[in-house]
Amino acid sequence: MRSGHALLAATVFIATQAYGSTICRHYAERLPNLRQSQCEAADLQDAAARSVRGRTIWTSDIKPLEPNTRVLIIGGMHGDELSSSAMAFYWIGLAQNSVAAPPQGGDGPLGGQRGHAVPSVGATSPVTGPRAVHWRFIPALNPDGLFAQPAKRVNARGVDLNRNFPTPNWARDSRVYWEKRTGKDPRRWPGSQPLSEPEARFLFEQMGSFKPNLIVSIHAPYGVLDFDGPMVPPSRLGRLFLDQVGIFPGSLGNYGGVHKGIPVVTIELPNAAQAPSQAEMQSMWQDLQRWMGERLGPAPTAGKRLAVAPGSAPPTP
């Protein structure tokens, strides 16, 4: 009986590994500068969530022994922003390295497996000292848009996921904004009702269950840094400088940062089809760690950011 159970377990393990390799081959073929080995090292886990077309939404958790901070990082909310998913995968490797520091005098393996806690020094700061971060990545929230030919901003039902979150007065404001400000741009259709889309519902549920202290949402191609939330924002990440572009009905920044009080850093990479250099992605990561150490605390002061003044025309991430 034991040998039968062992054989079954081994068969399941091999099948899982083969399936993971297939998924990672697809991602490596689709995303700029992503190697299949990088994707496989991310230890993607099935989040038990599916897109409109039934594709798996994958997550990756990197968790130290005793985390004191939870950070949720999202790539690929818009499927045609390929660089955002590519950078999320690259950052998974950096997060794994950040929690894999061995105890003094010992050698430690690369960490980052879901549910596998490893010793961590986390991100250090002269202000707060060591920070032990539980990182949760969703590298491709919109897989249907990502794998469409050509890739699409919207999901398989034509909904802009970044306009589908339940901000106050959504039914009125989202339709007015879509009709008046975007000229009924189909790439920015907010959907028939808030959280109508399974991908948006999944992220909404993650915010409730994971309870992140910080959300980082990676987009492209405006080449700026945006922020919504209750604290002093980072002034720059790498070559991207802060340029708060306003709030939009149904957006993640509006819902999470303004109305739920969770700091939301929105990174707008300068190119949707081409990933930044490794040096630049590393620089943005280091600047994020530095800002977290200086500013991210357990009891932020509530606050809101003003919307863009009427008549202005900011980019619409």
C-alpha atoms as a PDB file:
ATOM      1  CA  MET A   1       0.000   0.000   0.000  1.00  0.00           C
ATOM      2  CA  ARG A   2       2.791   2.385   0.898  1.00  0.00           C
ATOM      3  CA  SER A   3       4.532   1.722  -2.402  1.00  0.00           C
ATOM      4  CA  GLY A   4       1.255   2.412  -4.228  1.00  0.00           C
ATOM      5  CA  HIS A   5       0.828   5.738  -2.451  1.00  0.00           C
ATOM      6  CA  ALA A   6       4.440   6.644  -3.177  1.00  0.00           C
ATOM      7  CA  LEU A   7       3.985   5.804  -6.854  1.00  0.00           C
ATOM      8  CA  LEU A   8       0.826   7.909  -7.048  1.00  0.00           C
ATOM      9  CA  ALA A   9       2.543  10.835  -5.347  1.00  0.00           C
ATOM     10  CA  ALA A  10       5.506  10.571  -7.697  1.00  0.00           C
ATOM     11  CA  THR A  11       3.207  10.431 -10.729  1.00  0.00           C
ATOM     12  CA  VAL A  12       1.308  13.529  -9.580  1.00  0.00           C
ATOM     13  CA  PHE A  13       4.579  15.361  -8.926  1.00  0.00           C
ATOM     14  CA  ILE A  14       5.955  14.542 -12.376  1.00  0.00           C
ATOM     15  CA  ALA A  15       2.703  15.554 -14.059  1.00  0.00           C
ATOM     16  CA  THR A  16       2.650  18.832 -12.131  1.00  0.00           C
ATOM     17  CA  GLN A  17       6.240  19.577 -13.083  1.00  0.00           C
ATOM     18  CA  ALA A  18       5.536  18.835 -16.753  1.00  0.00           C
ATOM     19  CA  TYR A  19       2.440  21.056 -16.716  1.00  0.00           C
ATOM     20  CA  GLY A  20       4.425  23.853 -15.087  1.00  0.00           C
ATOM     21  CA  SER A  21       7.113  23.558 -17.744  1.00  0.00           C
ATOM     22  CA  THR A  22       4.496  23.815 -20.484  1.00  0.00           C
ATOM     23  CA  ILE A  23       2.959  26.923 -18.922  1.00  0.00           C
ATOM     24  CA  CYS A  24       6.370  28.518 -18.511  1.00  0.00           C
ATOM     25  CA  ARG A  25       7.277  27.734 -22.106  1.00  0.00           C
ATOM     26  CA  HIS A  26       4.175  29.638 -23.210  1.00  0.00           C
ATOM     27  CA  TYR A  27       5.023  32.602 -20.995  1.00  0.00           C
ATOM     28  CA  ALA A  28       8.646  32.641 -22.158  1.00  0.00           C
ATOM     29  CA  GLU A  29       7.520  32.622 -25.784  1.00  0.00           C
ATOM     30  CA  ARG A  30       5.137  35.505 -25.155  1.00  0.00           C
ATOM     31  CA  LEU A  31       6.946  37.855 -22.781  1.00  0.00           C
ATOM     32  CA  PRO A  32      10.016  39.954 -23.621  1.00  0.00           C
ATOM     33  CA  ASN A  33      13.322  38.796 -22.164  1.00  0.00           C
ATOM     34  CA  LEU A  34      11.724  36.086 -20.014  1.00  0.00           C
ATOM     35  CA  ARG A  35      13.557  32.758 -20.001  1.00  0.00           C
ATOM     36  CA  GLN A  36      11.636  29.565 -19.348  1.00  0.00           C
ATOM     37  CA  SER A  37      14.035  28.772 -16.505  1.00  0.00           C
ATOM     38  CA  GLN A  38      13.149  32.096 -14.843  1.00  0.00           C
ATOM     39  CA  CYS A  39       9.471  31.264 -14.971  1.00  0.00           C
ATOM     40  CA  GLU A  40      10.052  27.758 -13.618  1.00  0.00           C
ATOM     41  CA  ALA A  41      12.151  29.154 -10.758  1.00  0.00           C
ATOM     42  CA  ALA A  42       9.190  31.385  -9.799  1.00  0.00           C
ATOM     43  CA  ASP A  43       7.422  28.285  -8.435  1.00  0.00           C
ATOM     44  CA  LEU A  44       4.045  29.391  -9.768  1.00  0.00           C
ATOM     45  CA  GLN A  45       1.037  28.092  -7.856  1.00  0.00           C
ATOM     46  CA  ASP A  46      -2.489  27.593  -9.112  1.00  0.00           C
ATOM     47  CA  ALA A  47      -4.543  30.187  -7.240  1.00  0.00           C
ATOM     48  CA  ALA A  48      -7.779  28.265  -7.949  1.00  0.00           C
ATOM     49  CA  ALA A  49      -8.933  31.239 -10.022  1.00  0.00           C
ATOM     50  CA  ARG A  50      -9.748  31.222 -13.702  1.00  0.00           C
ATOM     51  CA  SER A  51     -10.039  33.846 -16.405  1.00  0.00           C
ATOM     52  CA  VAL A  52     -13.116  34.244 -18.601  1.00  0.00           C
ATOM     53  CA  ARG A  53     -11.715  31.632 -20.999  1.00  0.00           C
ATOM     54  CA  GLY A  54     -10.735  29.298 -18.187  1.00  0.00           C
ATOM     55  CA  ARG A  55      -7.019  30.051 -18.069  1.00  0.00           C
ATOM     56  CA  THR A  56      -5.313  29.651 -14.705  1.00  0.00           C
ATOM     57  CA  ILE A  57      -4.339  32.778 -12.800  1.00  0.00           C
ATOM     58  CA  TRP A  58      -1.012  31.961 -11.183  1.00  0.00           C
ATOM     59  CA  THR A  59       0.563  33.357  -8.044  1.00  0.00           C
ATOM     60  CA  SER A  60       3.976  33.143  -6.446  1.00  0.00           C
ATOM     61  CA  ASP A  61       4.511  33.534  -2.699  1.00  0.00           C
ATOM     62  CA  ILE A  62       7.881  34.280  -1.130  1.00  0.00           C
ATOM     63  CA  LYS A  63       7.593  34.205   2.623  1.00  0.00           C
ATOM     64  CA  PRO A  64      10.207  34.485   5.385  1.00  0.00           C
ATOM     65  CA  LEU A  65       9.931  32.745   8.744  1.00  0.00           C
ATOM     66  CA  GLU A  66       8.252  35.614  10.560  1.00  0.00           C
ATOM     67  CA  PRO A  67       6.894  38.196   8.125  1.00  0.00           C
ATOM     68  CA  ASN A  68       5.835  41.577   9.454  1.00  0.00           C
ATOM     69  CA  THR A  69       4.779  43.113   6.122  1.00  0.00           C
ATOM     70  CA  ARG A  70       2.646  41.847   3.242  1.00  0.00           C
ATOM     71  CA  VAL A  71       3.133  43.200  -0.271  1.00  0.00           C
ATOM     72  CA  LEU A  72       0.994  42.295  -3.293  1.00  0.00           C
ATOM     73  CA  ILE A  73       2.555  42.866  -6.725  1.00  0.00           C
ATOM     74  CA  ILE A  74       0.457  42.660  -9.883  1.00  0.00           C
ATOM     75  CA  GLY A  75       1.607  42.434 -13.477  1.00  0.00           C
ATOM     76  CA  GLY A  76      -0.357  42.051 -16.672  1.00  0.00           C
ATOM     77  CA  MET A  77      -3.642  43.617 -15.605  1.00  0.00           C
ATOM     78  CA  HIS A  78      -3.728  44.870 -19.167  1.00  0.00           C
ATOM     79  CA  GLY A  79      -2.823  42.002 -21.459  1.00  0.00           C
ATOM     80  CA  ASP A  80      -0.997  44.083 -24.059  1.00  0.00           C
ATOM     81  CA  GLU A  81       1.413  45.518 -21.484  1.00  0.00           C
ATOM     82  CA  LEU A  82       3.806  42.608 -21.876  1.00  0.00           C
ATOM     83  CA  SER A  83       6.687  44.324 -20.122  1.00  0.00           C
ATOM     84  CA  SER A  84       4.685  44.539 -16.889  1.00  0.00           C
ATOM     85  CA  SER A  85       4.422  40.755 -16.629  1.00  0.00           C
ATOM     86  CA  ALA A  86       8.055  40.323 -17.632  1.00  0.00           C
ATOM     87  CA  MET A  87       9.183  42.640 -14.835  1.00  0.00           C
ATOM     88  CA  ALA A  88       6.936  40.893 -12.321  1.00  0.00           C
ATOM     89  CA  PHE A  89       8.706  37.622 -13.125  1.00  0.00           C
ATOM     90  CA  TYR A  90      12.111  39.287 -12.786  1.00  0.00           C
ATOM     91  CA  TRP A  91      11.121  40.779  -9.439  1.00  0.00           C
ATOM     92  CA  ILE A  92      10.051  37.344  -8.195  1.00  0.00           C
ATOM     93  CA  GLY A  93      13.673  36.299  -8.491  1.00  0.00           C
ATOM     94  CA  LEU A  94      14.810  39.381  -6.576  1.00  0.00           C
ATOM     95  CA  ALA A  95      12.252  38.699  -3.850  1.00  0.00           C
ATOM     96  CA  GLN A  96      13.451  35.101  -3.582  1.00  0.00           C
ATOM     97  CA  ASN A  97      16.997  36.352  -3.138  1.00  0.00           C
ATOM     98  CA  SER A  98      15.879  38.861  -0.510  1.00  0.00           C
ATOM     99  CA  VAL A  99      14.401  36.160   1.731  1.00  0.00           C
ATOM    100  CA  ALA A 100      17.072  33.539   1.049  1.00  0.00           C
ATOM    101  CA  ALA A 101      19.857  35.156   3.082  1.00  0.00           C
ATOM    102  CA  PRO A 102      21.357  32.302   5.127  1.00  0.00           C
ATOM    103  CA  PRO A 103      22.006  32.514   8.873  1.00  0.00           C
ATOM    104  CA  GLN A 104      25.458  33.776   9.781  1.00  0.00           C
ATOM    105  CA  GLY A 105      28.096  31.194   9.068  1.00  0.00           C
ATOM    106  CA  GLY A 106      25.869  28.994   6.884  1.00  0.00           C
ATOM    107  CA  ASP A 107      24.948  28.480   3.290  1.00  0.00           C
ATOM    108  CA  GLY A 108      21.284  28.739   2.372  1.00  0.00           C
ATOM    109  CA  PRO A 109      19.418  27.603  -0.731  1.00  0.00           C
ATOM    110  CA  LEU A 110      17.351  29.923  -2.838  1.00  0.00           C
ATOM    111  CA  GLY A 111      14.000  30.314  -1.099  1.00  0.00           C
ATOM    112  CA  GLY A 112      10.625  31.373  -2.353  1.00  0.00           C
ATOM    113  CA  GLN A 113       8.476  28.261  -2.361  1.00  0.00           C
ATOM    114  CA  ARG A 114       4.865  28.692  -1.363  1.00  0.00           C
ATOM    115  CA  GLY A 115       4.429  27.745   2.261  1.00  0.00           C
ATOM    116  CA  HIS A 116       8.168  27.221   2.680  1.00  0.00           C
ATOM    117  CA  ALA A 117       9.474  29.791   5.133  1.00  0.00           C
ATOM    118  CA  VAL A 118      13.148  30.679   5.008  1.00  0.00           C
ATOM    119  CA  PRO A 119      15.324  32.866   7.235  1.00  0.00           C
ATOM    120  CA  SER A 120      15.198  36.459   6.101  1.00  0.00           C
ATOM    121  CA  VAL A 121      16.840  39.779   6.666  1.00  0.00           C
ATOM    122  CA  GLY A 122      14.398  41.364   4.224  1.00  0.00           C
ATOM    123  CA  ALA A 123      14.834  44.957   3.154  1.00  0.00           C
ATOM    124  CA  THR A 124      16.895  46.985   5.573  1.00  0.00           C
ATOM    125  CA  SER A 125      16.608  50.641   6.385  1.00  0.00           C
ATOM    126  CA  PRO A 126      18.454  52.983   8.743  1.00  0.00           C
ATOM    127  CA  VAL A 127      14.997  54.141   9.875  1.00  0.00           C
ATOM    128  CA  THR A 128      13.239  50.884  10.633  1.00  0.00           C
ATOM    129  CA  GLY A 129      15.891  48.186  10.547  1.00  0.00           C
ATOM    130  CA  PRO A 130      15.153  44.739   9.066  1.00  0.00           C
ATOM    131  CA  ARG A 131      11.790  44.250   7.388  1.00  0.00           C
ATOM    132  CA  ALA A 132      10.555  40.697   6.795  1.00  0.00           C
ATOM    133  CA  VAL A 133       8.269  40.818   3.786  1.00  0.00           C
ATOM    134  CA  HIS A 134       5.768  38.247   2.606  1.00  0.00           C
ATOM    135  CA  TRP A 135       5.679  38.902  -1.126  1.00  0.00           C
ATOM    136  CA  ARG A 136       2.729  37.713  -3.198  1.00  0.00           C
ATOM    137  CA  PHE A 137       3.003  38.096  -6.964  1.00  0.00           C
ATOM    138  CA  ILE A 138       0.280  37.824  -9.586  1.00  0.00           C
ATOM    139  CA  PRO A 139       2.492  38.122 -12.671  1.00  0.00           C
ATOM    140  CA  ALA A 140      -0.312  37.933 -15.264  1.00  0.00           C
ATOM    141  CA  LEU A 141      -3.741  38.899 -13.947  1.00  0.00           C
ATOM    142  CA  ASN A 142      -5.250  39.007 -17.449  1.00  0.00           C
ATOM    143  CA  PRO A 143      -3.986  35.877 -19.224  1.00  0.00           C
ATOM    144  CA  ASP A 144      -6.726  36.003 -21.873  1.00  0.00           C
ATOM    145  CA  GLY A 145      -5.615  39.464 -22.958  1.00  0.00           C
ATOM    146  CA  LEU A 146      -1.964  38.435 -22.759  1.00  0.00           C
ATOM    147  CA  PHE A 147      -2.325  35.379 -25.000  1.00  0.00           C
ATOM    148  CA  ALA A 148      -4.775  36.945 -27.462  1.00  0.00           C
ATOM    149  CA  GLN A 149      -3.469  37.442 -31.013  1.00  0.00           C
ATOM    150  CA  PRO A 150      -2.608  40.263 -30.934  1.00  0.00           C
ATOM    151  CA  ALA A 151      -2.442  40.874 -27.182  1.00  0.00           C
ATOM    152  CA  LYS A 152      -5.271  43.034 -25.847  1.00  0.00           C
ATOM    153  CA  ARG A 153      -5.599  45.523 -23.016  1.00  0.00           C
ATOM    154  CA  VAL A 154      -9.048  44.189 -22.105  1.00  0.00           C
ATOM    155  CA  ASN A 155     -10.085  40.727 -20.967  1.00  0.00           C
ATOM    156  CA  ALA A 156     -11.954  38.179 -23.100  1.00  0.00           C
ATOM    157  CA  ARG A 157     -15.262  40.007 -22.548  1.00  0.00           C
ATOM    158  CA  GLY A 158     -13.796  43.316 -23.623  1.00  0.00           C
ATOM    159  CA  VAL A 159     -13.645  44.806 -20.116  1.00  0.00           C
ATOM    160  CA  ASP A 160     -10.824  47.008 -18.825  1.00  0.00           C
ATOM    161  CA  LEU A 161     -10.050  45.329 -15.495  1.00  0.00           C
ATOM    162  CA  ASN A 162      -8.614  48.584 -14.167  1.00  0.00           C
ATOM    163  CA  ARG A 163     -12.072  50.170 -14.379  1.00  0.00           C
ATOM    164  CA  ASN A 164     -13.981  47.229 -12.850  1.00  0.00           C
ATOM    165  CA  PHE A 165     -13.366  47.767  -9.116  1.00  0.00           C
ATOM    166  CA  PRO A 166     -16.226  48.859  -6.830  1.00  0.00           C
ATOM    167  CA  THR A 167     -15.446  52.514  -6.230  1.00  0.00           C
ATOM    168  CA  PRO A 168     -18.269  54.663  -4.774  1.00  0.00           C
ATOM    169  CA  ASN A 169     -20.840  55.821  -7.340  1.00  0.00           C
ATOM    170  CA  TRP A 170     -19.369  53.411  -9.875  1.00  0.00           C
ATOM    171  CA  ALA A 171     -22.635  52.973 -11.816  1.00  0.00           C
ATOM    172  CA  ARG A 172     -22.862  56.707 -12.484  1.00  0.00           C
ATOM    173  CA  ASP A 173     -19.239  57.815 -12.658  1.00  0.00           C
ATOM    174  CA  SER A 174     -17.775  54.961 -14.694  1.00  0.00           C
ATOM    175  CA  ARG A 175     -20.287  55.355 -17.513  1.00  0.00           C
ATOM    176  CA  VAL A 176     -19.943  59.154 -17.590  1.00  0.00           C
ATOM    177  CA  TYR A 177     -16.158  58.905 -17.626  1.00  0.00           C
ATOM    178  CA  TRP A 178     -16.186  56.271 -20.365  1.00  0.00           C
ATOM    179  CA  GLU A 179     -18.569  58.213 -22.568  1.00  0.00           C
ATOM    180  CA  LYS A 180     -17.367  61.787 -21.976  1.00  0.00           C
ATOM    181  CA  ARG A 181     -13.665  61.459 -21.216  1.00  0.00           C
ATOM    182  CA  THR A 182     -12.663  58.504 -23.366  1.00  0.00           C
ATOM    183  CA  GLY A 183     -15.188  58.946 -26.185  1.00  0.00           C
ATOM    184  CA  LYS A 184     -16.453  55.391 -25.610  1.00  0.00           C
ATOM    185  CA  ASP A 185     -13.015  53.959 -26.172  1.00  0.00           C
ATOM    186  CA  PRO A 186     -13.594  50.158 -26.281  1.00  0.00           C
ATOM    187  CA  ARG A 187     -10.186  49.614 -24.676  1.00  0.00           C
ATOM    188  CA  ARG A 188     -11.476  51.305 -21.529  1.00  0.00           C
ATOM    189  CA  TRP A 189     -14.970  49.806 -21.246  1.00  0.00           C
ATOM    190  CA  PRO A 190     -15.592  49.416 -17.463  1.00  0.00           C
ATOM    191  CA  GLY A 191     -18.055  46.553 -17.769  1.00  0.00           C
ATOM    192  CA  SER A 192     -21.738  46.260 -16.953  1.00  0.00           C
ATOM    193  CA  GLN A 193     -21.230  46.370 -13.191  1.00  0.00           C
ATOM    194  CA  PRO A 194     -18.341  46.459 -10.702  1.00  0.00           C
ATOM    195  CA  LEU A 195     -16.523  43.150 -10.253  1.00  0.00           C
ATOM    196  CA  SER A 196     -18.361  41.678 -13.226  1.00  0.00           C
ATOM    197  CA  GLU A 197     -15.119  40.007 -14.338  1.00  0.00           C
ATOM    198  CA  PRO A 198     -13.552  36.943 -12.680  1.00  0.00           C
ATOM    199  CA  GLU A 199     -10.056  38.428 -12.873  1.00  0.00           C
ATOM    200  CA  ALA A 200     -11.131  41.594 -11.028  1.00  0.00           C
ATOM    201  CA  ARG A 201     -13.055  39.530  -8.477  1.00  0.00           C
ATOM    202  CA  PHE A 202      -9.955  37.431  -7.829  1.00  0.00           C
ATOM    203  CA  LEU A 203      -7.828  40.499  -7.109  1.00  0.00           C
ATOM    204  CA  PHE A 204     -10.605  41.967  -4.957  1.00  0.00           C
ATOM    205  CA  GLU A 205     -10.695  38.733  -2.928  1.00  0.00           C
ATOM    206  CA  GLN A 206      -6.910  38.702  -2.626  1.00  0.00           C
ATOM    207  CA  MET A 207      -7.026  42.169  -1.109  1.00  0.00           C
ATOM    208  CA  GLY A 208      -9.486  40.898   1.489  1.00  0.00           C
ATOM    209  CA  SER A 209      -7.766  37.616   2.347  1.00  0.00           C
ATOM    210  CA  PHE A 210      -4.072  38.533   2.007  1.00  0.00           C
ATOM    211  CA  LYS A 211      -4.599  41.981   3.568  1.00  0.00           C
ATOM    212  CA  PRO A 212      -1.583  43.640   1.936  1.00  0.00           C
ATOM    213  CA  ASN A 213       0.171  46.561   3.587  1.00  0.00           C
ATOM    214  CA  LEU A 214       1.167  47.707   0.102  1.00  0.00           C
ATOM    215  CA  ILE A 215       0.038  47.029  -3.466  1.00  0.00           C
ATOM    216  CA  VAL A 216       2.341  47.531  -6.443  1.00  0.00           C
ATOM    217  CA  SER A 217       0.641  47.469  -9.842  1.00  0.00           C
ATOM    218  CA  ILE A 218       2.913  47.370 -12.890  1.00  0.00           C
ATOM    219  CA  HIS A 219       1.692  48.924 -16.143  1.00  0.00           C
ATOM    220  CA  ALA A 220       3.035  50.538 -19.337  1.00  0.00           C
ATOM    221  CA  PRO A 221       3.765  52.620 -21.427  1.00  0.00           C
ATOM    222  CA  TYR A 222       3.608  56.138 -19.909  1.00  0.00           C
ATOM    223  CA  GLY A 223       6.997  56.107 -18.197  1.00  0.00           C
ATOM    224  CA  VAL A 224       5.909  57.630 -14.881  1.00  0.00           C
ATOM    225  CA  LEU A 225       5.317  56.669 -11.270  1.00  0.00           C
ATOM    226  CA  ASP A 226       1.830  57.090  -9.806  1.00  0.00           C
ATOM    227  CA  PHE A 227       0.565  56.698  -6.263  1.00  0.00           C
ATOM    228  CA  ASP A 228      -2.729  56.566  -4.382  1.00  0.00           C
ATOM    229  CA  GLY A 229      -2.980  56.244  -0.645  1.00  0.00           C
ATOM    230  CA  PRO A 230      -2.466  57.543   2.838  1.00  0.00           C
ATOM    231  CA  MET A 231       1.238  58.320   3.051  1.00  0.00           C
ATOM    232  CA  VAL A 232       4.105  60.150   1.424  1.00  0.00           C
ATOM    233  CA  PRO A 233       4.658  58.503  -1.973  1.00  0.00           C
ATOM    234  CA  PRO A 234       8.034  57.497  -3.373  1.00  0.00           C
ATOM    235  CA  SER A 235       9.508  60.333  -5.404  1.00  0.00           C
ATOM    236  CA  ARG A 236      11.090  57.964  -7.899  1.00  0.00           C
ATOM    237  CA  LEU A 237      11.749  54.327  -8.689  1.00  0.00           C
ATOM    238  CA  GLY A 238      14.774  53.973 -10.903  1.00  0.00           C
ATOM    239  CA  ARG A 239      14.334  56.407 -13.795  1.00  0.00           C
ATOM    240  CA  LEU A 240      10.607  56.808 -13.197  1.00  0.00           C
ATOM    241  CA  PHE A 241       9.604  59.965 -11.344  1.00  0.00           C
ATOM    242  CA  LEU A 242       6.394  60.614  -9.444  1.00  0.00           C
ATOM    243  CA  ASP A 243       3.670  62.184 -11.575  1.00  0.00           C
ATOM    244  CA  GLN A 244       0.278  61.586  -9.985  1.00  0.00           C
ATOM    245  CA  VAL A 245      -2.136  61.410 -12.887  1.00  0.00           C
ATOM    246  CA  GLY A 246      -5.436  61.508 -10.990  1.00  0.00           C
ATOM    247  CA  ILE A 247      -8.073  58.982 -10.012  1.00  0.00           C
ATOM    248  CA  PHE A 248     -10.477  57.150 -12.282  1.00  0.00           C
ATOM    249  CA  PRO A 249     -13.805  55.447 -11.571  1.00  0.00           C
ATOM    250  CA  GLY A 250     -13.280  51.743 -10.992  1.00  0.00           C
ATOM    251  CA  SER A 251      -9.487  51.822 -10.964  1.00  0.00           C
ATOM    252  CA  LEU A 252      -7.391  49.814  -8.519  1.00  0.00           C
ATOM    253  CA  GLY A 253      -5.653  52.958  -7.272  1.00  0.00           C
ATOM    254  CA  ASN A 254      -8.991  54.650  -6.613  1.00  0.00           C
ATOM    255  CA  TYR A 255     -10.507  51.623  -4.878  1.00  0.00           C
ATOM    256  CA  GLY A 256      -7.457  50.401  -2.973  1.00  0.00           C
ATOM    257  CA  GLY A 257      -5.558  53.605  -2.273  1.00  0.00           C
ATOM    258  CA  VAL A 258      -8.277  56.208  -1.863  1.00  0.00           C
ATOM    259  CA  HIS A 259     -11.236  54.240  -0.503  1.00  0.00           C
ATOM    260  CA  LYS A 260      -9.599  51.320   1.326  1.00  0.00           C
ATOM    261  CA  GLY A 261      -6.524  53.148   2.591  1.00  0.00           C
ATOM    262  CA  ILE A 262      -4.026  50.651   1.164  1.00  0.00           C
ATOM    263  CA  PRO A 263      -1.037  52.379  -0.440  1.00  0.00           C
ATOM    264  CA  VAL A 264      -1.024  51.615  -4.172  1.00  0.00           C
ATOM    265  CA  VAL A 265       2.161  52.271  -6.125  1.00  0.00           C
ATOM    266  CA  THR A 266       1.494  52.222  -9.863  1.00  0.00           C
ATOM    267  CA  ILE A 267       4.559  51.756 -12.029  1.00  0.00           C
ATOM    268  CA  GLU A 268       4.165  52.872 -15.645  1.00  0.00           C
ATOM    269  CA  LEU A 269       7.052  51.418 -17.624  1.00  0.00           C
ATOM    270  CA  PRO A 270       8.078  53.389 -20.717  1.00  0.00           C
ATOM    271  CA  ASN A 271       7.535  50.571 -23.210  1.00  0.00           C
ATOM    272  CA  ALA A 272       4.765  47.960 -23.263  1.00  0.00           C
ATOM    273  CA  ALA A 273       6.526  45.571 -25.646  1.00  0.00           C
ATOM    274  CA  GLN A 274      10.087  45.805 -24.361  1.00  0.00           C
ATOM    275  CA  ALA A 275      11.118  45.074 -20.778  1.00  0.00           C
ATOM    276  CA  PRO A 276      13.518  47.448 -19.020  1.00  0.00           C
ATOM    277  CA  SER A 277      17.123  46.376 -18.683  1.00  0.00           C
ATOM    278  CA  GLN A 278      17.977  44.145 -15.755  1.00  0.00           C
ATOM    279  CA  ALA A 279      19.948  47.001 -14.229  1.00  0.00           C
ATOM    280  CA  GLU A 280      16.914  49.287 -14.398  1.00  0.00           C
ATOM    281  CA  MET A 281      14.558  46.658 -12.950  1.00  0.00           C
ATOM    282  CA  GLN A 282      17.033  46.108 -10.133  1.00  0.00           C
ATOM    283  CA  SER A 283      17.262  49.870  -9.530  1.00  0.00           C
ATOM    284  CA  MET A 284      13.469  50.172  -9.274  1.00  0.00           C
ATOM    285  CA  TRP A 285      13.385  47.241  -6.872  1.00  0.00           C
ATOM    286  CA  GLN A 286      16.077  48.779  -4.652  1.00  0.00           C
ATOM    287  CA  ASP A 287      14.313  52.143  -4.594  1.00  0.00           C
ATOM    288  CA  LEU A 288      11.067  50.419  -3.632  1.00  0.00           C
ATOM    289  CA  GLN A 289      12.823  48.659  -0.740  1.00  0.00           C
ATOM    290  CA  ARG A 290      14.333  51.932   0.413  1.00  0.00           C
ATOM    291  CA  TRP A 291      10.976  53.723   0.364  1.00  0.00           C
ATOM    292  CA  MET A 292       9.264  50.837   2.161  1.00  0.00           C
ATOM    293  CA  GLY A 293      11.859  50.977   4.903  1.00  0.00           C
ATOM    294  CA  GLU A 294      11.409  54.714   5.334  1.00  0.00           C
ATOM    295  CA  ARG A 295       7.651  55.098   4.942  1.00  0.00           C
ATOM    296  CA  LEU A 296       5.703  51.874   5.211  1.00  0.00           C
ATOM    297  CA  GLY A 297       4.333  51.649   8.733  1.00  0.00           C
ATOM    298  CA  PRO A 298       1.584  49.704  10.495  1.00  0.00           C
ATOM    299  CA  ALA A 299      -0.736  52.664  11.166  1.00  0.00           C
ATOM    300  CA  PRO A 300      -0.864  55.099   8.255  1.00  0.00           C
ATOM    301  CA  THR A 301      -2.869  58.293   8.475  1.00  0.00           C
ATOM    302  CA  ALA A 302      -5.980  58.231   6.335  1.00  0.00           C
ATOM    303  CA  GLY A 303      -6.026  60.578   3.391  1.00  0.00           C
ATOM    304  CA  LYS A 304      -7.107  61.035  -0.175  1.00  0.00           C
ATOM    305  CA  ARG A 305      -5.605  62.533  -3.281  1.00  0.00           C
ATOM    306  CA  LEU A 306      -7.470  65.062  -5.335  1.00  0.00           C
ATOM    307  CA  ALA A 307      -8.680  64.120  -8.783  1.00  0.00           C
ATOM    308  CA  VAL A 308      -7.245  65.711 -11.887  1.00  0.00           C
ATOM    309  CA  ALA A 309      -8.517  69.202 -12.501  1.00  0.00           C
ATOM    310  CA  PRO A 310     -11.272  69.516 -15.122  1.00  0.00           C
ATOM    311  CA  GLY A 311     -10.014  70.126 -18.608  1.00  0.00           C
ATOM    312  CA  SER A 312      -6.671  68.386 -18.127  1.00  0.00           C
ATOM    313  CA  ALA A 313      -5.798  65.326 -20.148  1.00  0.00           C
ATOM    314  CA  PRO A 314      -3.657  62.932 -18.118  1.00  0.00           C
ATOM    315  CA  PRO A 315      -2.709  59.483 -19.337  1.00  0.00           C
ATOM    316  CA  THR A 316      -5.215  56.801 -18.374  1.00  0.00           C
ATOM    317  CA  PRO A 317      -3.290  53.797 -17.031  1.00  0.00           C
END
